[in-house]
Protein backbone atom coordinates (compact mmCIF):
# COMPACT_ATOMS: atom_id res chain seq x y z
CA MET A 1 -28.76 -191.73 172.75
CA LEU A 2 -29.66 -188.09 173.35
CA PHE A 3 -29.39 -187.34 176.96
CA THR A 4 -28.24 -190.51 178.11
CA PRO A 5 -24.98 -191.59 179.19
CA ILE A 6 -22.69 -193.00 176.31
CA LYS A 7 -19.24 -194.93 176.96
CA PRO A 8 -17.17 -193.48 174.38
CA MET A 9 -14.62 -194.75 172.06
CA LEU A 10 -11.00 -195.33 173.76
CA LEU A 11 -7.31 -195.10 172.49
CA HIS A 12 -4.75 -197.48 172.59
CA MET A 13 -1.30 -195.90 173.50
CA GLY A 14 1.24 -195.71 170.62
CA ASN A 15 5.16 -196.46 170.32
CA ASN A 16 6.54 -192.88 169.64
CA ASP A 17 8.34 -194.60 166.93
CA GLU A 18 5.07 -195.24 164.99
CA ILE A 19 4.24 -191.71 163.78
CA LYS A 20 6.54 -191.82 161.35
CA ASP A 21 6.35 -195.32 159.81
CA ASN A 22 2.59 -196.32 160.25
CA PRO A 23 0.87 -196.57 157.17
CA TYR A 24 -2.68 -196.52 158.62
CA LEU A 25 -2.76 -193.34 160.66
CA ASP A 26 -3.20 -190.64 158.46
CA ASN A 27 -5.26 -188.16 160.57
CA TRP A 28 -3.63 -186.64 163.63
CA ASP A 29 -4.97 -184.37 166.60
CA ILE A 30 -3.60 -182.40 169.38
CA LYS A 31 -3.75 -184.33 172.42
CA TRP A 32 -5.74 -182.39 175.29
CA ASN A 33 -5.17 -182.71 179.08
CA GLY A 34 -8.38 -182.99 180.76
CA TRP A 35 -11.27 -184.70 181.35
CA ARG A 36 -13.34 -186.87 178.52
CA ILE A 37 -16.54 -185.22 178.31
CA LEU A 38 -19.74 -186.08 175.94
CA LEU A 39 -21.89 -182.75 174.95
CA HIS A 40 -25.67 -183.54 174.29
CA LYS A 41 -27.26 -180.43 172.84
CA GLN A 42 -31.06 -180.13 171.48
CA GLY A 43 -32.49 -176.78 171.23
CA ASP A 44 -31.53 -174.60 174.13
CA ARG A 45 -30.65 -177.58 176.31
CA ILE A 46 -27.13 -178.75 176.74
CA GLU A 47 -25.92 -181.41 178.93
CA ALA A 48 -22.35 -182.62 179.79
CA TYR A 49 -21.27 -186.22 180.85
CA THR A 50 -18.16 -187.99 181.73
CA ARG A 51 -16.67 -191.00 179.89
CA HIS A 52 -18.09 -192.90 183.16
CA GLY A 53 -21.95 -191.43 182.74
CA ASN A 54 -21.59 -188.58 185.39
CA ASN A 55 -23.71 -185.89 184.52
CA VAL A 56 -21.67 -182.80 185.07
CA THR A 57 -23.27 -180.13 183.88
CA ALA A 58 -24.46 -177.88 186.90
CA LYS A 59 -20.26 -177.64 187.20
CA PHE A 60 -19.81 -175.85 184.34
CA PRO A 61 -21.63 -172.77 183.57
CA GLU A 62 -19.59 -172.28 180.51
CA LEU A 63 -21.65 -174.64 178.62
CA GLN A 64 -24.34 -171.97 178.41
CA ASP A 65 -22.03 -170.00 175.84
CA ALA A 66 -21.05 -173.32 174.11
CA ARG A 67 -24.31 -173.97 173.44
CA HIS A 68 -24.62 -171.18 171.01
CA SER A 69 -21.49 -172.25 169.22
CA ILE A 70 -23.34 -175.48 168.51
CA LYS A 71 -25.26 -174.31 165.18
CA ALA A 72 -27.01 -177.54 164.61
CA HIS A 73 -30.45 -178.11 166.85
CA THR A 74 -29.41 -181.28 168.05
CA ALA A 75 -25.97 -182.70 168.25
CA ILE A 76 -23.83 -185.18 170.45
CA LEU A 77 -19.82 -184.16 170.33
CA ASP A 78 -16.93 -185.83 171.83
CA CYS A 79 -14.83 -183.38 173.87
CA GLU A 80 -11.92 -182.70 176.22
CA GLY A 81 -13.02 -180.42 178.76
CA VAL A 82 -9.96 -178.24 179.99
CA VAL A 83 -8.60 -175.23 181.38
CA LEU A 84 -6.04 -173.23 179.17
CA ARG A 85 -3.20 -171.46 180.32
CA ASN A 86 -1.36 -169.76 177.26
CA GLY A 87 -2.78 -172.06 175.12
CA ILE A 88 -1.86 -175.33 177.23
CA SER A 89 -4.31 -177.15 178.80
CA VAL A 90 -3.60 -177.62 182.75
CA PHE A 91 -4.93 -180.97 183.91
CA GLU A 92 -4.98 -180.06 187.55
CA ASP A 93 -6.83 -176.91 186.60
CA PHE A 94 -9.85 -178.80 185.22
CA ALA A 95 -9.68 -181.27 187.60
CA TYR A 96 -10.21 -178.72 190.43
CA ARG A 97 -13.31 -177.48 188.55
CA GLY A 98 -14.69 -180.94 188.49
CA ARG A 99 -14.28 -181.34 192.17
CA LEU A 100 -16.55 -178.00 193.14
CA THR A 101 -20.08 -178.57 194.15
CA ASN A 102 -20.75 -175.17 195.93
CA ARG A 103 -22.46 -172.79 193.65
CA SER A 104 -20.80 -169.82 194.64
CA LYS A 105 -17.47 -171.25 194.26
CA ILE A 106 -18.10 -172.67 190.64
CA ASP A 107 -19.38 -169.19 189.65
CA GLN A 108 -15.91 -167.59 191.21
CA ALA A 109 -14.05 -170.46 189.29
CA THR A 110 -15.50 -169.64 185.63
CA LEU A 111 -13.49 -166.35 186.26
CA THR A 112 -10.16 -168.11 187.70
CA HIS A 113 -10.38 -171.66 186.31
CA PRO A 114 -12.20 -170.68 182.94
CA SER A 115 -13.15 -174.34 181.21
CA THR A 116 -13.11 -174.67 177.40
CA PHE A 117 -14.43 -177.82 175.44
CA ILE A 118 -12.59 -179.03 172.79
CA THR A 119 -14.46 -181.13 170.49
CA PHE A 120 -12.55 -183.63 168.24
CA ASP A 121 -15.52 -186.07 167.13
CA ILE A 122 -19.27 -185.87 166.49
CA LEU A 123 -21.66 -188.99 167.23
CA ALA A 124 -25.09 -187.73 166.17
CA THR A 125 -26.98 -184.68 164.43
CA THR A 126 -30.86 -185.53 164.20
CA LYS A 127 -29.52 -189.26 163.58
CA PRO A 128 -26.24 -191.03 164.55
CA VAL A 129 -23.44 -190.79 162.31
CA ILE A 130 -21.31 -193.12 164.26
CA ASN A 131 -20.99 -195.44 161.27
CA LEU A 132 -19.66 -192.81 159.02
CA PRO A 133 -16.08 -192.59 158.35
CA LEU A 134 -13.96 -190.24 160.46
CA ILE A 135 -13.14 -187.89 158.06
CA GLU A 136 -16.68 -187.57 157.13
CA ARG A 137 -17.70 -187.01 160.63
CA LYS A 138 -15.02 -184.17 161.05
CA GLU A 139 -16.49 -182.60 157.98
CA ARG A 140 -19.81 -182.54 159.69
CA LEU A 141 -18.36 -181.29 162.94
CA SER A 142 -16.54 -178.38 161.26
CA SER A 143 -19.75 -177.05 159.61
CA ILE A 144 -21.74 -177.26 162.65
CA ILE A 145 -19.18 -175.51 165.13
CA GLU A 146 -18.58 -171.42 165.58
CA PRO A 147 -15.57 -171.41 167.65
CA SER A 148 -15.65 -169.32 170.94
CA ASN A 149 -13.94 -169.45 174.08
CA SER A 150 -16.00 -171.84 175.25
CA LEU A 151 -16.01 -174.46 172.50
CA LEU A 152 -13.47 -175.25 170.20
CA VAL A 153 -12.63 -177.84 167.42
CA THR A 154 -9.27 -179.44 168.03
CA PRO A 155 -6.40 -178.52 165.40
CA SER A 156 -5.83 -181.71 162.92
CA ILE A 157 -4.06 -182.47 159.82
CA VAL A 158 -3.66 -184.92 157.28
CA GLY A 159 -0.73 -187.12 156.34
CA ASN A 160 2.07 -187.67 158.46
CA GLY A 161 2.36 -186.88 162.12
CA SER A 162 5.74 -186.00 162.79
CA ASP A 163 5.77 -182.18 162.48
CA ILE A 164 2.60 -182.01 164.71
CA PHE A 165 4.10 -184.09 167.40
CA GLN A 166 7.41 -182.09 167.16
CA LEU A 167 5.35 -178.76 167.92
CA THR A 168 3.26 -179.91 170.62
CA LYS A 169 6.66 -181.14 172.36
CA GLU A 170 7.98 -177.76 172.12
CA LYS A 171 5.03 -176.21 173.04
CA GLY A 172 5.02 -178.18 176.20
CA MET A 173 1.69 -180.29 175.29
CA GLU A 174 0.61 -183.73 176.00
CA GLY A 175 1.04 -185.22 172.83
CA ILE A 176 -0.88 -186.12 169.89
CA VAL A 177 -3.36 -188.77 168.56
CA GLY A 178 -3.23 -190.70 165.08
CA LYS A 179 -6.09 -191.83 163.76
CA ARG A 180 -7.47 -194.05 160.76
CA GLY A 181 -9.39 -191.59 158.58
CA ASP A 182 -11.76 -194.38 157.33
CA SER A 183 -12.35 -195.59 160.94
CA THR A 184 -15.89 -195.67 162.16
CA TYR A 185 -16.97 -194.51 165.92
CA LYS A 186 -17.23 -197.48 168.42
CA THR A 187 -18.78 -196.84 171.74
CA ASN A 188 -17.55 -198.77 174.38
CA HIS A 189 -14.66 -200.07 172.77
CA ARG A 190 -10.80 -199.36 173.04
CA SER A 191 -9.68 -199.31 169.33
CA LYS A 192 -6.25 -199.53 167.71
CA ASP A 193 -7.68 -197.29 164.95
CA TRP A 194 -6.97 -194.43 167.50
CA LEU A 195 -3.55 -194.45 169.09
CA LYS A 196 -2.32 -191.65 171.46
CA PHE A 197 1.49 -190.80 171.59
CA LYS A 198 2.54 -188.61 174.59
CA HIS A 199 5.66 -186.42 175.58
CA PHE A 200 6.79 -188.34 178.65
CA LYS A 201 9.76 -187.03 181.10
CA VAL A 202 12.32 -189.45 182.80
CA MET A 203 13.38 -188.57 186.26
CA ASP A 204 15.79 -189.93 189.09
CA VAL A 205 14.04 -190.65 192.22
CA VAL A 206 14.44 -192.44 195.75
CA ILE A 207 12.55 -195.48 196.78
CA LEU A 208 10.98 -194.49 200.02
CA GLY A 209 8.87 -197.61 200.62
CA TYR A 210 6.57 -199.98 198.98
CA LYS A 211 3.18 -201.92 198.99
CA GLU A 212 2.76 -205.39 198.06
CA SER A 213 -1.10 -205.69 197.02
CA PRO A 214 -0.73 -204.47 194.46
CA PHE A 215 2.63 -203.94 194.23
CA THR A 216 3.20 -200.24 194.11
CA MET A 217 6.80 -198.31 194.94
CA LEU A 218 6.16 -195.11 197.05
CA VAL A 219 8.92 -192.79 195.28
CA GLY A 220 10.37 -189.25 196.59
CA GLN A 221 13.36 -186.78 196.43
CA ARG A 222 15.78 -185.63 199.21
CA LEU A 223 15.23 -181.87 200.07
CA SER A 224 17.93 -179.65 201.13
CA ASN A 225 16.95 -179.88 204.93
CA GLY A 226 17.53 -183.48 204.72
CA GLN A 227 13.86 -184.34 204.78
CA TYR A 228 12.22 -186.58 201.94
CA LYS A 229 9.31 -185.41 199.93
CA PRO A 230 7.02 -188.16 198.29
CA LEU A 231 6.36 -187.46 194.65
CA ALA A 232 4.41 -190.60 193.27
CA ASN A 233 3.10 -194.21 193.87
CA VAL A 234 4.48 -195.99 190.97
CA GLU A 235 2.54 -199.29 190.19
CA PHE A 236 3.31 -199.83 186.47
CA GLY A 237 6.18 -200.99 184.53
CA PHE A 238 7.90 -203.39 186.52
CA LYS A 239 9.14 -206.90 185.26
CA PRO A 240 9.01 -210.11 187.74
CA GLU A 241 12.45 -210.23 188.17
CA GLU A 242 12.85 -206.38 188.83
CA LYS A 243 10.38 -207.23 191.71
CA ASN A 244 11.94 -210.04 192.96
CA ALA A 245 15.57 -208.47 192.69
CA PHE A 246 13.81 -205.48 194.96
CA ARG A 247 12.19 -207.79 197.24
CA GLN A 248 16.00 -209.28 198.34
CA ILE A 249 17.32 -205.72 198.88
CA ALA A 250 14.26 -204.38 200.53
CA LYS A 251 14.52 -207.04 203.26
CA GLN A 252 17.67 -205.57 204.59
CA ILE A 253 16.65 -201.98 204.59
CA THR A 254 13.37 -202.12 205.85
CA THR A 255 12.96 -199.41 208.91
CA LYS A 256 9.29 -200.14 209.78
CA VAL A 257 5.96 -201.22 208.33
CA GLU A 258 2.86 -199.11 208.82
CA ARG A 259 -0.29 -201.01 207.98
CA ASN A 260 0.48 -202.20 204.47
CA LEU A 261 3.40 -199.64 203.66
CA ILE A 262 6.71 -200.83 204.07
CA TRP A 263 9.11 -197.81 204.57
CA LEU A 264 12.71 -198.40 203.59
CA GLU A 265 16.02 -196.48 204.19
CA PRO A 266 16.10 -194.04 201.56
CA ILE A 267 19.34 -195.31 199.97
CA LEU A 268 18.00 -196.89 196.53
CA GLU A 269 17.26 -194.68 193.59
CA CYS A 270 15.36 -195.73 190.24
CA LYS A 271 14.26 -193.72 187.21
CA VAL A 272 10.61 -192.94 186.82
CA GLN A 273 8.72 -191.80 183.39
CA TYR A 274 6.08 -189.28 183.85
CA LEU A 275 3.72 -187.12 181.81
CA GLU A 276 3.77 -183.96 183.94
CA LYS A 277 4.12 -182.33 187.26
CA THR A 278 1.12 -180.76 189.35
CA ASN A 279 1.61 -177.29 190.95
CA ALA A 280 2.77 -179.26 194.19
CA GLY A 281 5.48 -181.12 192.32
CA LEU A 282 3.92 -184.49 192.16
CA LEU A 283 4.11 -186.61 189.36
CA ARG A 284 1.39 -187.69 187.07
CA ILE A 285 0.93 -191.07 185.02
CA VAL A 286 3.96 -192.61 186.37
CA SER A 287 5.61 -195.70 185.44
CA PHE A 288 8.83 -197.53 186.33
CA LYS A 289 12.18 -197.65 184.36
CA GLY A 290 14.74 -199.30 185.97
CA PHE A 291 16.90 -199.14 188.86
CA ASN A 292 19.91 -197.07 189.45
CA PHE A 293 22.02 -199.35 192.12
CA ASP A 294 25.17 -197.23 191.04
CA LYS A 295 23.97 -193.63 192.30
CA ILE A 296 23.29 -192.32 195.72
CA PRO A 297 20.26 -189.79 196.35
CA ASN A 298 21.24 -186.34 195.79
CA ALA A 299 19.28 -183.20 197.80
CA ILE A 300 17.43 -180.95 195.72
């Protein structure tokens, strides 16, 4: 396993109503908003791999400090790579780090966008531990980590997740992950033993256009100068009957077709659900939540 790409265990999306009533989930972690990273360490050597198997060690000089926080000679850790701003992980900032390839820019970014690796599971020390229950793996993880600015163990609680879910909402964080304490670690598997619960927001937006393959709506908002600002491409959340009704309306308000994008008069509004806004005001992790046939788009 060591120093070879590993496909990590993945999560299912949970319904927020399950936080209080789910009898199986008894371990709750804060959900951080960054990149899934697996850290491999042996002696003085440390490497970082994304969930897709890309070696990104050279992008993060902070890993050399993180290495000193791992008190075991050998370890494979499951982490979220993040950039923290006042204790909140900012996805866009870590994605910026991941895009850098120039060494001088990477070195500068360690000051402007310092990365932290927040670990929540352990796959191996001198031998694999993935078949141990989660609660035992967490104990092993905590025993070998000395927290630092570069490497932390995620806060977690045992029992009911309602309080930590509310706390993360108040602090503007992404959400939480509920896990079974007796669950083993299944590589390259999406398991219902781990469920993620996120704090989504809802916004009214204008439909600016759409594509058919795959069916995607371009949505935005009207600016005070009368122009429209695109905010997101929405691909998920549509019912078949909603697509069909939309197509009938779209035929009547099409203004032009550019390649595979069909532009519309900006007179039809809908609701979308999203996780967060980027620094440029764009929406991340967006899904369709219904039409507003009775509303006229307003300027922002």
